Every structure is written in C-alpha cells, then in structure tokens.
Amino acid sequence: YGLVDMIGNVWEWTSTPYSPRHDVAVSRSLGLTDVSATSAGHCA
C-alpha cells in the first residue's frame, strides 16, 4: 500500500483494548462475524 515501518522500528498504539483472544478483543471494538478456526498457538 506504500506504507513504511509497519513492521519493526517502533511498536504502534492502536485504539483497540487488549484482551488475550481475538474473539473478545474484536467484539469490544468492531463486532466481528464469521469467526473460524481456533487455536491455542504457542509462544515461539
């Protein structure tokens, strides 16, 4: 899109309140639909 430093350099604030899963965080900010595949993930 012609954007620079979207990755690296500095972390960037967003207006979205943080919660440990997207299904919680997203519902607080925009109200998502079509939530699919869940995963526990891992921490590198």
All heavy atoms as atom14 arrays in JSON, in Angstrom:
{
  "sequence": "YGLVDMIGNVWEWTSTPYSPRHDVAVSRSLGLTDVSATSAGHCA",
  "atom14_mask": [
    [1, 1, 1, 1, 1, 1, 1, 1, 1, 1, 1, 1, 0, 0],
    [1, 1, 1, 1, 0, 0, 0, 0, 0, 0, 0, 0, 0, 0],
    [1, 1, 1, 1, 1, 1, 1, 1, 0, 0, 0, 0, 0, 0],
    [1, 1, 1, 1, 1, 1, 1, 0, 0, 0, 0, 0, 0, 0],
    [1, 1, 1, 1, 1, 1, 1, 1, 0, 0, 0, 0, 0, 0],
    [1, 1, 1, 1, 1, 1, 1, 1, 0, 0, 0, 0, 0, 0],
    [1, 1, 1, 1, 1, 1, 1, 1, 0, 0, 0, 0, 0, 0],
    [1, 1, 1, 1, 0, 0, 0, 0, 0, 0, 0, 0, 0, 0],
    [1, 1, 1, 1, 1, 1, 1, 1, 0, 0, 0, 0, 0, 0],
    [1, 1, 1, 1, 1, 1, 1, 0, 0, 0, 0, 0, 0, 0],
    [1, 1, 1, 1, 1, 1, 1, 1, 1, 1, 1, 1, 1, 1],
    [1, 1, 1, 1, 1, 1, 1, 1, 1, 0, 0, 0, 0, 0],
    [1, 1, 1, 1, 1, 1, 1, 1, 1, 1, 1, 1, 1, 1],
    [1, 1, 1, 1, 1, 1, 1, 0, 0, 0, 0, 0, 0, 0],
    [1, 1, 1, 1, 1, 1, 0, 0, 0, 0, 0, 0, 0, 0],
    [1, 1, 1, 1, 1, 1, 1, 0, 0, 0, 0, 0, 0, 0],
    [1, 1, 1, 1, 1, 1, 1, 0, 0, 0, 0, 0, 0, 0],
    [1, 1, 1, 1, 1, 1, 1, 1, 1, 1, 1, 1, 0, 0],
    [1, 1, 1, 1, 1, 1, 0, 0, 0, 0, 0, 0, 0, 0],
    [1, 1, 1, 1, 1, 1, 1, 0, 0, 0, 0, 0, 0, 0],
    [1, 1, 1, 1, 1, 1, 1, 1, 1, 1, 1, 0, 0, 0],
    [1, 1, 1, 1, 1, 1, 1, 1, 1, 1, 0, 0, 0, 0],
    [1, 1, 1, 1, 1, 1, 1, 1, 0, 0, 0, 0, 0, 0],
    [1, 1, 1, 1, 1, 1, 1, 0, 0, 0, 0, 0, 0, 0],
    [1, 1, 1, 1, 1, 0, 0, 0, 0, 0, 0, 0, 0, 0],
    [1, 1, 1, 1, 1, 1, 1, 0, 0, 0, 0, 0, 0, 0],
    [1, 1, 1, 1, 1, 1, 0, 0, 0, 0, 0, 0, 0, 0],
    [1, 1, 1, 1, 1, 1, 1, 1, 1, 1, 1, 0, 0, 0],
    [1, 1, 1, 1, 1, 1, 0, 0, 0, 0, 0, 0, 0, 0],
    [1, 1, 1, 1, 1, 1, 1, 1, 0, 0, 0, 0, 0, 0],
    [1, 1, 1, 1, 0, 0, 0, 0, 0, 0, 0, 0, 0, 0],
    [1, 1, 1, 1, 1, 1, 1, 1, 0, 0, 0, 0, 0, 0],
    [1, 1, 1, 1, 1, 1, 1, 0, 0, 0, 0, 0, 0, 0],
    [1, 1, 1, 1, 1, 1, 1, 1, 0, 0, 0, 0, 0, 0],
    [1, 1, 1, 1, 1, 1, 1, 0, 0, 0, 0, 0, 0, 0],
    [1, 1, 1, 1, 1, 1, 0, 0, 0, 0, 0, 0, 0, 0],
    [1, 1, 1, 1, 1, 0, 0, 0, 0, 0, 0, 0, 0, 0],
    [1, 1, 1, 1, 1, 1, 1, 0, 0, 0, 0, 0, 0, 0],
    [1, 1, 1, 1, 1, 1, 0, 0, 0, 0, 0, 0, 0, 0],
    [1, 1, 1, 1, 1, 0, 0, 0, 0, 0, 0, 0, 0, 0],
    [1, 1, 1, 1, 0, 0, 0, 0, 0, 0, 0, 0, 0, 0],
    [1, 1, 1, 1, 1, 1, 1, 1, 1, 1, 0, 0, 0, 0],
    [1, 1, 1, 1, 1, 1, 0, 0, 0, 0, 0, 0, 0, 0],
    [1, 1, 1, 1, 1, 0, 0, 0, 0, 0, 0, 0, 0, 0]
  ],
  "atom14_positions": [
    [[0.81, -1.22, 0.0], [0.0, 0.0, 0.0], [0.85, 1.27, 0.0], [0.3, 2.38, 0.02], [-0.93, 0.03, 1.23], [-2.08, -0.94, 1.15], [-2.38, -1.77, 2.23], [-2.88, -1.02, 0.01], [-3.45, -2.65, 2.17], [-3.95, -1.91, -0.05], [-4.23, -2.72, 1.03], [-5.28, -3.6, 0.97], [0.0, 0.0, 0.0], [0.0, 0.0, 0.0]],
    [[2.17, 1.11, 0.02], [3.04, 2.28, 0.07], [3.3, 2.78, 1.48], [3.82, 3.89, 1.66], [0.0, 0.0, 0.0], [0.0, 0.0, 0.0], [0.0, 0.0, 0.0], [0.0, 0.0, 0.0], [0.0, 0.0, 0.0], [0.0, 0.0, 0.0], [0.0, 0.0, 0.0], [0.0, 0.0, 0.0], [0.0, 0.0, 0.0], [0.0, 0.0, 0.0]],
    [[2.97, 1.98, 2.48], [3.21, 2.32, 3.88], [4.6, 1.86, 4.3], [5.06, 0.8, 3.87], [2.17, 1.66, 4.77], [0.7, 2.0, 4.47], [-0.22, 1.03, 5.2], [0.39, 3.44, 4.86], [0.0, 0.0, 0.0], [0.0, 0.0, 0.0], [0.0, 0.0, 0.0], [0.0, 0.0, 0.0], [0.0, 0.0, 0.0], [0.0, 0.0, 0.0]],
    [[5.26, 2.63, 5.15], [6.59, 2.24, 5.61], [6.59, 2.06, 7.13], [5.77, 2.64, 7.84], [7.67, 3.29, 5.22], [7.8, 3.37, 3.71], [7.37, 4.66, 5.81], [0.0, 0.0, 0.0], [0.0, 0.0, 0.0], [0.0, 0.0, 0.0], [0.0, 0.0, 0.0], [0.0, 0.0, 0.0], [0.0, 0.0, 0.0], [0.0, 0.0, 0.0]],
    [[7.5, 1.19, 7.59], [7.7, 0.93, 9.02], [6.46, 0.34, 9.7], [6.29, 0.49, 10.9], [8.13, 2.19, 9.76], [9.5, 2.67, 9.34], [10.32, 1.83, 8.9], [9.79, 3.88, 9.43], [0.0, 0.0, 0.0], [0.0, 0.0, 0.0], [0.0, 0.0, 0.0], [0.0, 0.0, 0.0], [0.0, 0.0, 0.0], [0.0, 0.0, 0.0]],
    [[5.61, -0.34, 8.94], [4.51, -1.04, 9.58], [5.03, -2.21, 10.41], [4.37, -2.63, 11.36], [3.5, -1.53, 8.54], [2.71, -0.43, 7.84], [1.66, 0.54, 8.94], [0.3, -0.59, 9.26], [0.0, 0.0, 0.0], [0.0, 0.0, 0.0], [0.0, 0.0, 0.0], [0.0, 0.0, 0.0], [0.0, 0.0, 0.0], [0.0, 0.0, 0.0]],
    [[6.17, -2.73, 10.02], [6.82, -3.8, 10.77], [8.17, -3.28, 11.26], [8.93, -2.68, 10.5], [7.01, -5.06, 9.9], [5.66, -5.56, 9.38], [7.75, -6.15, 10.68], [4.66, -5.94, 10.45], [0.0, 0.0, 0.0], [0.0, 0.0, 0.0], [0.0, 0.0, 0.0], [0.0, 0.0, 0.0], [0.0, 0.0, 0.0], [0.0, 0.0, 0.0]],
    [[8.48, -3.5, 12.53], [9.75, -3.07, 13.08], [9.8, -1.58, 13.35], [8.82, -0.86, 13.23], [0.0, 0.0, 0.0], [0.0, 0.0, 0.0], [0.0, 0.0, 0.0], [0.0, 0.0, 0.0], [0.0, 0.0, 0.0], [0.0, 0.0, 0.0], [0.0, 0.0, 0.0], [0.0, 0.0, 0.0], [0.0, 0.0, 0.0], [0.0, 0.0, 0.0]],
    [[10.97, -1.12, 13.75], [11.26, 0.26, 14.15], [10.62, 0.56, 15.49], [11.3, 0.58, 16.51], [10.87, 1.27, 13.07], [11.8, 2.47, 13.06], [12.73, 2.57, 13.86], [11.56, 3.41, 12.15], [0.0, 0.0, 0.0], [0.0, 0.0, 0.0], [0.0, 0.0, 0.0], [0.0, 0.0, 0.0], [0.0, 0.0, 0.0], [0.0, 0.0, 0.0]],
    [[9.3, 0.84, 15.54], [8.64, 1.05, 16.83], [7.3, 0.32, 16.86], [6.62, 0.2, 15.85], [8.39, 2.55, 17.13], [9.71, 3.27, 17.36], [7.58, 3.23, 16.04], [0.0, 0.0, 0.0], [0.0, 0.0, 0.0], [0.0, 0.0, 0.0], [0.0, 0.0, 0.0], [0.0, 0.0, 0.0], [0.0, 0.0, 0.0], [0.0, 0.0, 0.0]],
    [[6.95, -0.2, 18.04], [5.58, -0.65, 18.26], [4.65, 0.55, 18.09], [5.05, 1.7, 18.35], [5.41, -1.19, 19.68], [5.94, -2.56, 19.93], [7.12, -2.9, 20.53], [5.29, -3.8, 19.63], [7.25, -4.25, 20.62], [6.14, -4.83, 20.07], [4.08, -4.13, 19.02], [5.81, -6.18, 19.93], [3.74, -5.47, 18.88], [4.61, -6.48, 19.34]],
    [[3.4, 0.3, 17.7], [2.47, 1.39, 17.48], [1.16, 1.16, 18.24], [0.61, 0.06, 18.23], [2.18, 1.55, 15.98], [3.44, 1.91, 15.2], [3.17, 2.13, 13.71], [1.99, 2.29, 13.33], [4.14, 2.15, 12.94], [0.0, 0.0, 0.0], [0.0, 0.0, 0.0], [0.0, 0.0, 0.0], [0.0, 0.0, 0.0], [0.0, 0.0, 0.0]],
    [[0.71, 2.24, 18.91], [-0.55, 2.18, 19.63], [-1.73, 2.0, 18.66], [-1.74, 2.61, 17.59], [-0.8, 3.47, 20.4], [0.07, 3.7, 21.59], [1.09, 4.62, 21.7], [-0.02, 3.06, 22.87], [1.65, 4.57, 22.96], [0.98, 3.62, 23.7], [-0.85, 2.05, 23.38], [1.17, 3.21, 25.03], [-0.65, 1.64, 24.7], [0.34, 2.21, 25.5]],
    [[-2.7, 1.2, 19.04], [-4.0, 1.18, 18.37], [-5.05, 1.55, 19.41], [-4.8, 1.53, 20.62], [-4.34, -0.19, 17.76], [-4.67, -1.12, 18.81], [-3.19, -0.73, 16.91], [0.0, 0.0, 0.0], [0.0, 0.0, 0.0], [0.0, 0.0, 0.0], [0.0, 0.0, 0.0], [0.0, 0.0, 0.0], [0.0, 0.0, 0.0], [0.0, 0.0, 0.0]],
    [[-6.24, 1.86, 18.94], [-7.32, 2.24, 19.85], [-8.02, 1.04, 20.46], [-8.87, 1.2, 21.34], [-8.34, 3.11, 19.12], [-8.93, 2.39, 18.04], [0.0, 0.0, 0.0], [0.0, 0.0, 0.0], [0.0, 0.0, 0.0], [0.0, 0.0, 0.0], [0.0, 0.0, 0.0], [0.0, 0.0, 0.0], [0.0, 0.0, 0.0], [0.0, 0.0, 0.0]],
    [[-7.67, -0.16, 20.04], [-8.38, -1.37, 20.48], [-7.93, -1.82, 21.87], [-6.73, -2.07, 22.08], [-8.16, -2.51, 19.48], [-8.65, -2.1, 18.2], [-8.87, -3.78, 19.93], [0.0, 0.0, 0.0], [0.0, 0.0, 0.0], [0.0, 0.0, 0.0], [0.0, 0.0, 0.0], [0.0, 0.0, 0.0], [0.0, 0.0, 0.0], [0.0, 0.0, 0.0]],
    [[-8.85, -1.95, 22.83], [-8.49, -2.51, 24.14], [-7.94, -3.93, 23.96], [-8.43, -4.7, 23.12], [-9.82, -2.53, 24.91], [-10.66, -1.49, 24.22], [-10.28, -1.57, 22.77], [0.0, 0.0, 0.0], [0.0, 0.0, 0.0], [0.0, 0.0, 0.0], [0.0, 0.0, 0.0], [0.0, 0.0, 0.0], [0.0, 0.0, 0.0], [0.0, 0.0, 0.0]],
    [[-6.93, -4.26, 24.75], [-6.31, -5.59, 24.63], [-7.07, -6.63, 25.45], [-7.49, -6.38, 26.58], [-4.86, -5.54, 25.12], [-4.21, -6.91, 25.07], [-3.63, -7.37, 23.89], [-4.19, -7.75, 26.18], [-3.06, -8.63, 23.82], [-3.62, -9.0, 26.12], [-3.05, -9.45, 24.93], [-2.49, -10.69, 24.86], [0.0, 0.0, 0.0], [0.0, 0.0, 0.0]],
    [[-7.24, -7.8, 24.88], [-7.66, -8.98, 25.62], [-6.95, -10.17, 24.99], [-6.5, -10.1, 23.85], [-9.17, -9.16, 25.59], [-9.63, -9.34, 24.28], [0.0, 0.0, 0.0], [0.0, 0.0, 0.0], [0.0, 0.0, 0.0], [0.0, 0.0, 0.0], [0.0, 0.0, 0.0], [0.0, 0.0, 0.0], [0.0, 0.0, 0.0], [0.0, 0.0, 0.0]],
    [[-6.81, -11.26, 25.74], [-5.92, -12.33, 25.29], [-6.41, -13.19, 24.14], [-5.67, -14.05, 23.68], [-5.72, -13.18, 26.55], [-6.87, -12.87, 27.43], [-7.26, -11.46, 27.13], [0.0, 0.0, 0.0], [0.0, 0.0, 0.0], [0.0, 0.0, 0.0], [0.0, 0.0, 0.0], [0.0, 0.0, 0.0], [0.0, 0.0, 0.0], [0.0, 0.0, 0.0]],
    [[-7.63, -12.97, 23.65], [-8.1, -13.69, 22.48], [-8.84, -12.72, 21.57], [-9.54, -11.82, 22.03], [-9.05, -14.83, 22.88], [-8.38, -15.92, 23.71], [-7.41, -16.74, 22.92], [-8.09, -17.63, 21.97], [-7.45, -18.33, 21.05], [-6.14, -18.24, 20.92], [-8.12, -19.13, 20.24], [0.0, 0.0, 0.0], [0.0, 0.0, 0.0], [0.0, 0.0, 0.0]],
    [[-8.69, -12.91, 20.26], [-9.36, -12.02, 19.31], [-10.87, -12.04, 19.44], [-11.52, -11.02, 19.22], [-9.01, -12.43, 17.87], [-7.76, -11.8, 17.37], [-7.49, -10.46, 17.49], [-6.69, -12.33, 16.72], [-6.32, -10.18, 16.94], [-5.81, -11.3, 16.48], [0.0, 0.0, 0.0], [0.0, 0.0, 0.0], [0.0, 0.0, 0.0], [0.0, 0.0, 0.0]],
    [[-11.45, -13.18, 19.79], [-12.9, -13.23, 19.85], [-13.45, -12.32, 20.94], [-14.6, -11.91, 20.89], [-13.4, -14.66, 20.04], [-12.69, -15.4, 21.15], [-11.71, -14.87, 21.7], [-13.1, -16.53, 21.47], [0.0, 0.0, 0.0], [0.0, 0.0, 0.0], [0.0, 0.0, 0.0], [0.0, 0.0, 0.0], [0.0, 0.0, 0.0], [0.0, 0.0, 0.0]],
    [[-12.61, -11.96, 21.92], [-13.01, -10.99, 22.95], [-12.64, -9.59, 22.52], [-13.45, -8.68, 22.52], [-12.34, -11.33, 24.3], [-12.71, -10.27, 25.33], [-12.78, -12.71, 24.76], [0.0, 0.0, 0.0], [0.0, 0.0, 0.0], [0.0, 0.0, 0.0], [0.0, 0.0, 0.0], [0.0, 0.0, 0.0], [0.0, 0.0, 0.0], [0.0, 0.0, 0.0]],
    [[-11.39, -9.4, 22.12], [-10.91, -8.06, 21.77], [-11.7, -7.47, 20.61], [-12.09, -6.31, 20.63], [-9.43, -8.12, 21.41], [0.0, 0.0, 0.0], [0.0, 0.0, 0.0], [0.0, 0.0, 0.0], [0.0, 0.0, 0.0], [0.0, 0.0, 0.0], [0.0, 0.0, 0.0], [0.0, 0.0, 0.0], [0.0, 0.0, 0.0], [0.0, 0.0, 0.0]],
    [[-11.95, -8.28, 19.6], [-12.62, -7.77, 18.41], [-14.06, -7.4, 18.71], [-14.57, -6.38, 18.25], [-12.53, -8.8, 17.28], [-13.39, -8.39, 16.11], [-11.08, -8.94, 16.82], [0.0, 0.0, 0.0], [0.0, 0.0, 0.0], [0.0, 0.0, 0.0], [0.0, 0.0, 0.0], [0.0, 0.0, 0.0], [0.0, 0.0, 0.0], [0.0, 0.0, 0.0]],
    [[-14.73, -8.21, 19.49], [-16.13, -7.91, 19.78], [-16.25, -6.59, 20.53], [-17.26, -5.9, 20.43], [-16.74, -9.04, 20.61], [-16.15, -9.13, 21.88], [0.0, 0.0, 0.0], [0.0, 0.0, 0.0], [0.0, 0.0, 0.0], [0.0, 0.0, 0.0], [0.0, 0.0, 0.0], [0.0, 0.0, 0.0], [0.0, 0.0, 0.0], [0.0, 0.0, 0.0]],
    [[-15.23, -6.21, 21.28], [-15.27, -4.95, 22.0], [-15.17, -3.76, 21.06], [-15.72, -2.71, 21.31], [-14.1, -4.87, 22.99], [-14.28, -5.73, 24.23], [-13.06, -5.59, 25.11], [-13.21, -6.35, 26.34], [-12.23, -6.53, 27.21], [-11.05, -6.0, 26.97], [-12.43, -7.24, 28.29], [0.0, 0.0, 0.0], [0.0, 0.0, 0.0], [0.0, 0.0, 0.0]],
    [[-14.4, -3.91, 19.98], [-14.12, -2.76, 19.16], [-14.99, -2.63, 17.91], [-15.52, -1.57, 17.63], [-12.64, -2.75, 18.75], [-12.3, -3.97, 18.14], [0.0, 0.0, 0.0], [0.0, 0.0, 0.0], [0.0, 0.0, 0.0], [0.0, 0.0, 0.0], [0.0, 0.0, 0.0], [0.0, 0.0, 0.0], [0.0, 0.0, 0.0], [0.0, 0.0, 0.0]],
    [[-15.13, -3.73, 17.15], [-15.87, -3.63, 15.9], [-17.04, -4.59, 15.77], [-17.92, -4.38, 14.95], [-14.92, -3.87, 14.71], [-13.89, -2.77, 14.43], [-13.13, -3.1, 13.18], [-14.57, -1.42, 14.27], [0.0, 0.0, 0.0], [0.0, 0.0, 0.0], [0.0, 0.0, 0.0], [0.0, 0.0, 0.0], [0.0, 0.0, 0.0], [0.0, 0.0, 0.0]],
    [[-17.03, -5.68, 16.52], [-18.11, -6.66, 16.39], [-17.95, -7.5, 15.15], [-18.61, -7.3, 14.14], [0.0, 0.0, 0.0], [0.0, 0.0, 0.0], [0.0, 0.0, 0.0], [0.0, 0.0, 0.0], [0.0, 0.0, 0.0], [0.0, 0.0, 0.0], [0.0, 0.0, 0.0], [0.0, 0.0, 0.0], [0.0, 0.0, 0.0], [0.0, 0.0, 0.0]],
    [[-17.05, -8.49, 15.21], [-16.75, -9.28, 14.02], [-17.77, -10.38, 13.77], [-18.49, -10.8, 14.67], [-15.37, -9.94, 14.18], [-14.2, -8.97, 14.2], [-12.92, -9.75, 14.32], [-14.18, -8.15, 12.94], [0.0, 0.0, 0.0], [0.0, 0.0, 0.0], [0.0, 0.0, 0.0], [0.0, 0.0, 0.0], [0.0, 0.0, 0.0], [0.0, 0.0, 0.0]],
    [[-17.78, -10.85, 12.53], [-18.59, -12.01, 12.17], [-17.7, -13.07, 11.57], [-16.52, -12.84, 11.32], [-19.66, -11.61, 11.14], [-19.01, -11.06, 9.99], [-20.59, -10.55, 11.71], [0.0, 0.0, 0.0], [0.0, 0.0, 0.0], [0.0, 0.0, 0.0], [0.0, 0.0, 0.0], [0.0, 0.0, 0.0], [0.0, 0.0, 0.0], [0.0, 0.0, 0.0]],
    [[-18.24, -14.23, 11.33], [-17.53, -15.32, 10.65], [-16.27, -15.76, 11.38], [-15.26, -16.05, 10.75], [-17.16, -14.92, 9.21], [-18.39, -14.67, 8.38], [-19.46, -15.23, 8.68], [-18.27, -13.89, 7.44], [0.0, 0.0, 0.0], [0.0, 0.0, 0.0], [0.0, 0.0, 0.0], [0.0, 0.0, 0.0], [0.0, 0.0, 0.0], [0.0, 0.0, 0.0]],
    [[-16.3, -15.8, 12.7], [-15.14, -16.29, 13.44], [-14.96, -17.77, 13.11], [-15.88, -18.55, 13.16], [-15.33, -16.1, 14.95], [-14.19, -16.73, 15.71], [-15.42, -14.61, 15.27], [0.0, 0.0, 0.0], [0.0, 0.0, 0.0], [0.0, 0.0, 0.0], [0.0, 0.0, 0.0], [0.0, 0.0, 0.0], [0.0, 0.0, 0.0], [0.0, 0.0, 0.0]],
    [[-13.71, -18.15, 12.75], [-13.43, -19.53, 12.37], [-12.32, -20.11, 13.22], [-12.1, -19.68, 14.33], [-13.07, -19.57, 10.88], [-11.94, -18.77, 10.63], [0.0, 0.0, 0.0], [0.0, 0.0, 0.0], [0.0, 0.0, 0.0], [0.0, 0.0, 0.0], [0.0, 0.0, 0.0], [0.0, 0.0, 0.0], [0.0, 0.0, 0.0], [0.0, 0.0, 0.0]],
    [[-11.59, -21.02, 12.67], [-10.59, -21.85, 13.34], [-9.94, -21.29, 14.59], [-9.26, -20.29, 14.56], [-9.49, -22.17, 12.33], [0.0, 0.0, 0.0], [0.0, 0.0, 0.0], [0.0, 0.0, 0.0], [0.0, 0.0, 0.0], [0.0, 0.0, 0.0], [0.0, 0.0, 0.0], [0.0, 0.0, 0.0], [0.0, 0.0, 0.0], [0.0, 0.0, 0.0]],
    [[-10.16, -21.96, 15.72], [-9.49, -21.58, 16.95], [-8.23, -22.39, 17.12], [-8.09, -23.48, 16.6], [-10.41, -21.83, 18.17], [-10.69, -23.23, 18.24], [-11.7, -21.05, 18.06], [0.0, 0.0, 0.0], [0.0, 0.0, 0.0], [0.0, 0.0, 0.0], [0.0, 0.0, 0.0], [0.0, 0.0, 0.0], [0.0, 0.0, 0.0], [0.0, 0.0, 0.0]],
    [[-7.28, -21.8, 17.87], [-6.02, -22.49, 18.11], [-5.39, -21.99, 19.38], [-5.46, -20.82, 19.69], [-5.05, -22.25, 16.94], [-3.75, -22.71, 17.27], [0.0, 0.0, 0.0], [0.0, 0.0, 0.0], [0.0, 0.0, 0.0], [0.0, 0.0, 0.0], [0.0, 0.0, 0.0], [0.0, 0.0, 0.0], [0.0, 0.0, 0.0], [0.0, 0.0, 0.0]],
    [[-4.77, -22.87, 20.12], [-4.07, -22.45, 21.34], [-2.78, -21.72, 21.0], [-2.29, -20.91, 21.76], [-3.76, -23.66, 22.22], [0.0, 0.0, 0.0], [0.0, 0.0, 0.0], [0.0, 0.0, 0.0], [0.0, 0.0, 0.0], [0.0, 0.0, 0.0], [0.0, 0.0, 0.0], [0.0, 0.0, 0.0], [0.0, 0.0, 0.0], [0.0, 0.0, 0.0]],
    [[-2.21, -22.0, 19.84], [-0.97, -21.34, 19.45], [0.18, -21.74, 20.36], [0.07, -22.63, 21.18], [0.0, 0.0, 0.0], [0.0, 0.0, 0.0], [0.0, 0.0, 0.0], [0.0, 0.0, 0.0], [0.0, 0.0, 0.0], [0.0, 0.0, 0.0], [0.0, 0.0, 0.0], [0.0, 0.0, 0.0], [0.0, 0.0, 0.0], [0.0, 0.0, 0.0]],
    [[1.29, -21.04, 20.21], [2.4, -21.25, 21.12], [3.28, -20.02, 21.12], [3.12, -19.14, 20.31], [3.22, -22.48, 20.72], [3.97, -22.32, 19.44], [3.36, -22.44, 18.2], [5.27, -22.04, 19.19], [4.26, -22.26, 17.25], [5.41, -22.01, 17.81], [0.0, 0.0, 0.0], [0.0, 0.0, 0.0], [0.0, 0.0, 0.0], [0.0, 0.0, 0.0]],
    [[4.17, -19.93, 22.08], [4.94, -18.7, 22.27], [6.37, -18.86, 21.78], [7.33, -18.84, 22.55], [4.93, -18.32, 23.74], [5.65, -16.71, 24.06], [0.0, 0.0, 0.0], [0.0, 0.0, 0.0], [0.0, 0.0, 0.0], [0.0, 0.0, 0.0], [0.0, 0.0, 0.0], [0.0, 0.0, 0.0], [0.0, 0.0, 0.0], [0.0, 0.0, 0.0]],
    [[6.51, -19.07, 20.46], [7.83, -19.18, 19.84], [8.72, -20.11, 20.64], [8.31, -21.21, 20.99], [8.45, -17.79, 19.71], [0.0, 0.0, 0.0], [0.0, 0.0, 0.0], [0.0, 0.0, 0.0], [0.0, 0.0, 0.0], [0.0, 0.0, 0.0], [0.0, 0.0, 0.0], [0.0, 0.0, 0.0], [0.0, 0.0, 0.0], [0.0, 0.0, 0.0]]
  ]
}
